[in-house]
Amino acid sequence: MAKTLLQGVNDVFKRLNLIAGDSGELSSLTDSARQQWIDVAVQVWNEALEELYSTAEMSFPQELAEN
């Protein structure tokens, strides 16, 4: 099952105990109170994906868009 960037950020926030359960999930990647945390989580996901593609010696898809 494919995961969206928003779902990935919510998963990171849950593991860091920044949100509790589904009721505290973000509905978008824009939230002034938590924007710094959101930006860091997005950057970490981007770096992880780049590392995976580079390790697999595949070109990073250019059609990816920000959520």
N, C-alpha and C. Protein backbone atom coordinates (compact mmCIF):
# COMPACT_ATOMS: atom_id res chain seq x y z
N MET A 1 0.84 -1.17 0.00
CA MET A 1 0.00 0.00 0.00
C MET A 1 0.89 1.25 0.00
N ALA A 2 0.60 2.15 -0.90
CA ALA A 2 1.34 3.40 -0.98
C ALA A 2 0.94 4.32 0.17
N LYS A 3 1.90 5.11 0.59
CA LYS A 3 1.68 6.03 1.71
C LYS A 3 1.92 7.44 1.20
N THR A 4 1.07 8.36 1.62
CA THR A 4 1.28 9.75 1.24
C THR A 4 2.28 10.40 2.19
N LEU A 5 2.82 11.52 1.77
CA LEU A 5 3.74 12.27 2.63
C LEU A 5 3.05 12.68 3.92
N LEU A 6 1.80 13.08 3.82
CA LEU A 6 1.05 13.47 5.02
C LEU A 6 0.92 12.30 6.00
N GLN A 7 0.63 11.12 5.49
CA GLN A 7 0.54 9.94 6.36
C GLN A 7 1.90 9.65 7.01
N GLY A 8 2.96 9.80 6.23
CA GLY A 8 4.29 9.58 6.76
C GLY A 8 4.65 10.55 7.87
N VAL A 9 4.30 11.81 7.68
CA VAL A 9 4.56 12.82 8.71
C VAL A 9 3.74 12.51 9.96
N ASN A 10 2.48 12.13 9.78
CA ASN A 10 1.66 11.76 10.94
C ASN A 10 2.27 10.57 11.67
N ASP A 11 2.79 9.58 10.94
CA ASP A 11 3.43 8.44 11.58
C ASP A 11 4.65 8.86 12.40
N VAL A 12 5.45 9.77 11.85
CA VAL A 12 6.62 10.28 12.58
C VAL A 12 6.17 11.01 13.84
N PHE A 13 5.16 11.85 13.72
CA PHE A 13 4.65 12.60 14.88
C PHE A 13 4.15 11.65 15.96
N LYS A 14 3.48 10.57 15.57
CA LYS A 14 3.00 9.60 16.56
C LYS A 14 4.17 8.94 17.27
N ARG A 15 5.20 8.56 16.53
CA ARG A 15 6.35 7.90 17.15
C ARG A 15 7.10 8.83 18.09
N LEU A 16 7.06 10.12 17.80
CA LEU A 16 7.71 11.11 18.66
C LEU A 16 6.78 11.60 19.78
N ASN A 17 5.57 11.06 19.84
CA ASN A 17 4.56 11.47 20.82
C ASN A 17 4.21 12.95 20.70
N LEU A 18 4.27 13.49 19.47
CA LEU A 18 3.83 14.86 19.24
C LEU A 18 2.32 14.91 19.03
N ILE A 19 1.74 13.78 18.61
CA ILE A 19 0.30 13.64 18.52
C ILE A 19 -0.07 12.29 19.11
N ALA A 20 -1.29 12.21 19.60
CA ALA A 20 -1.75 10.96 20.21
C ALA A 20 -2.92 10.41 19.40
N GLY A 21 -2.75 9.24 18.85
CA GLY A 21 -3.83 8.59 18.12
C GLY A 21 -4.24 9.31 16.86
N ASP A 22 -5.32 8.81 16.27
CA ASP A 22 -5.80 9.38 15.02
C ASP A 22 -6.45 10.74 15.19
N SER A 23 -6.95 11.02 16.37
CA SER A 23 -7.67 12.28 16.57
C SER A 23 -6.76 13.51 16.49
N GLY A 24 -5.47 13.33 16.74
CA GLY A 24 -4.55 14.46 16.69
C GLY A 24 -3.80 14.60 15.39
N GLU A 25 -4.14 13.76 14.39
CA GLU A 25 -3.40 13.78 13.13
C GLU A 25 -3.55 15.10 12.39
N LEU A 26 -2.50 15.43 11.65
CA LEU A 26 -2.55 16.60 10.79
C LEU A 26 -3.45 16.31 9.60
N SER A 27 -4.17 17.32 9.14
CA SER A 27 -4.99 17.16 7.94
C SER A 27 -4.32 17.81 6.74
N SER A 28 -3.25 18.56 6.99
CA SER A 28 -2.45 19.15 5.91
C SER A 28 -1.03 19.35 6.44
N LEU A 29 -0.14 19.72 5.55
CA LEU A 29 1.24 19.95 5.95
C LEU A 29 1.49 21.42 6.29
N THR A 30 0.42 22.14 6.57
CA THR A 30 0.50 23.54 6.98
C THR A 30 -0.21 23.69 8.31
N ASP A 31 0.55 24.04 9.32
CA ASP A 31 0.00 24.20 10.67
C ASP A 31 0.95 25.13 11.41
N SER A 32 0.56 26.37 11.59
CA SER A 32 1.48 27.36 12.14
C SER A 32 2.07 26.96 13.48
N ALA A 33 1.30 26.27 14.30
CA ALA A 33 1.80 25.89 15.62
C ALA A 33 2.88 24.82 15.55
N ARG A 34 2.82 23.96 14.52
CA ARG A 34 3.76 22.85 14.41
C ARG A 34 4.57 22.88 13.11
N GLN A 35 4.60 24.03 12.45
CA GLN A 35 5.23 24.10 11.13
C GLN A 35 6.70 23.71 11.15
N GLN A 36 7.42 24.10 12.18
CA GLN A 36 8.84 23.75 12.25
C GLN A 36 9.01 22.23 12.31
N TRP A 37 8.18 21.55 13.10
CA TRP A 37 8.24 20.08 13.20
C TRP A 37 7.85 19.44 11.87
N ILE A 38 6.83 19.99 11.22
CA ILE A 38 6.39 19.47 9.93
C ILE A 38 7.52 19.57 8.92
N ASP A 39 8.16 20.73 8.84
CA ASP A 39 9.25 20.94 7.89
C ASP A 39 10.40 19.96 8.11
N VAL A 40 10.73 19.71 9.37
CA VAL A 40 11.80 18.75 9.68
C VAL A 40 11.40 17.34 9.26
N ALA A 41 10.16 16.94 9.55
CA ALA A 41 9.70 15.60 9.18
C ALA A 41 9.70 15.42 7.66
N VAL A 42 9.25 16.42 6.93
CA VAL A 42 9.25 16.35 5.46
C VAL A 42 10.67 16.24 4.94
N GLN A 43 11.59 17.02 5.49
CA GLN A 43 12.98 16.96 5.06
C GLN A 43 13.59 15.58 5.32
N VAL A 44 13.29 15.00 6.47
CA VAL A 44 13.81 13.67 6.79
C VAL A 44 13.27 12.63 5.82
N TRP A 45 11.97 12.69 5.50
CA TRP A 45 11.39 11.76 4.52
C TRP A 45 12.07 11.94 3.16
N ASN A 46 12.28 13.19 2.73
CA ASN A 46 12.95 13.43 1.44
C ASN A 46 14.36 12.87 1.43
N GLU A 47 15.11 13.07 2.50
CA GLU A 47 16.47 12.54 2.58
C GLU A 47 16.46 11.02 2.57
N ALA A 48 15.52 10.40 3.26
CA ALA A 48 15.43 8.94 3.28
C ALA A 48 15.14 8.39 1.89
N LEU A 49 14.21 9.02 1.18
CA LEU A 49 13.88 8.57 -0.17
C LEU A 49 15.06 8.74 -1.12
N GLU A 50 15.75 9.88 -1.02
CA GLU A 50 16.92 10.09 -1.87
C GLU A 50 17.99 9.04 -1.60
N GLU A 51 18.19 8.70 -0.33
CA GLU A 51 19.17 7.68 0.03
C GLU A 51 18.78 6.32 -0.52
N LEU A 52 17.51 5.96 -0.41
CA LEU A 52 17.04 4.68 -0.94
C LEU A 52 17.24 4.60 -2.45
N TYR A 53 16.87 5.66 -3.16
CA TYR A 53 17.05 5.66 -4.61
C TYR A 53 18.52 5.60 -4.98
N SER A 54 19.35 6.32 -4.25
CA SER A 54 20.78 6.32 -4.55
C SER A 54 21.40 4.96 -4.27
N THR A 55 20.99 4.31 -3.19
CA THR A 55 21.49 2.98 -2.85
C THR A 55 21.07 1.96 -3.90
N ALA A 56 19.87 2.11 -4.41
CA ALA A 56 19.37 1.19 -5.43
C ALA A 56 19.87 1.57 -6.82
N GLU A 57 20.65 2.66 -6.90
CA GLU A 57 21.20 3.16 -8.15
C GLU A 57 20.09 3.40 -9.18
N MET A 58 19.01 3.97 -8.70
CA MET A 58 17.89 4.34 -9.56
C MET A 58 17.81 5.86 -9.59
N SER A 59 17.27 6.39 -10.67
CA SER A 59 17.11 7.83 -10.72
C SER A 59 15.87 8.23 -9.93
N PHE A 60 15.99 9.32 -9.22
CA PHE A 60 14.89 9.82 -8.39
C PHE A 60 13.80 10.33 -9.31
N PRO A 61 12.55 9.91 -9.12
CA PRO A 61 11.47 10.37 -10.00
C PRO A 61 11.31 11.88 -9.95
N GLN A 62 11.23 12.50 -11.09
CA GLN A 62 11.08 13.96 -11.16
C GLN A 62 9.63 14.38 -11.06
N GLU A 63 8.70 13.44 -11.20
CA GLU A 63 7.29 13.82 -11.19
C GLU A 63 6.71 13.90 -9.79
N LEU A 64 7.51 13.71 -8.75
CA LEU A 64 7.01 13.81 -7.39
C LEU A 64 6.61 15.25 -7.11
N ALA A 65 5.49 15.42 -6.48
CA ALA A 65 5.02 16.76 -6.14
C ALA A 65 4.86 16.87 -4.64
N GLU A 66 4.91 18.06 -4.15
CA GLU A 66 4.71 18.27 -2.72
C GLU A 66 3.25 18.10 -2.41
N ASN A 67 2.98 17.55 -1.25
CA ASN A 67 1.60 17.33 -0.82
C ASN A 67 1.11 18.56 -0.10
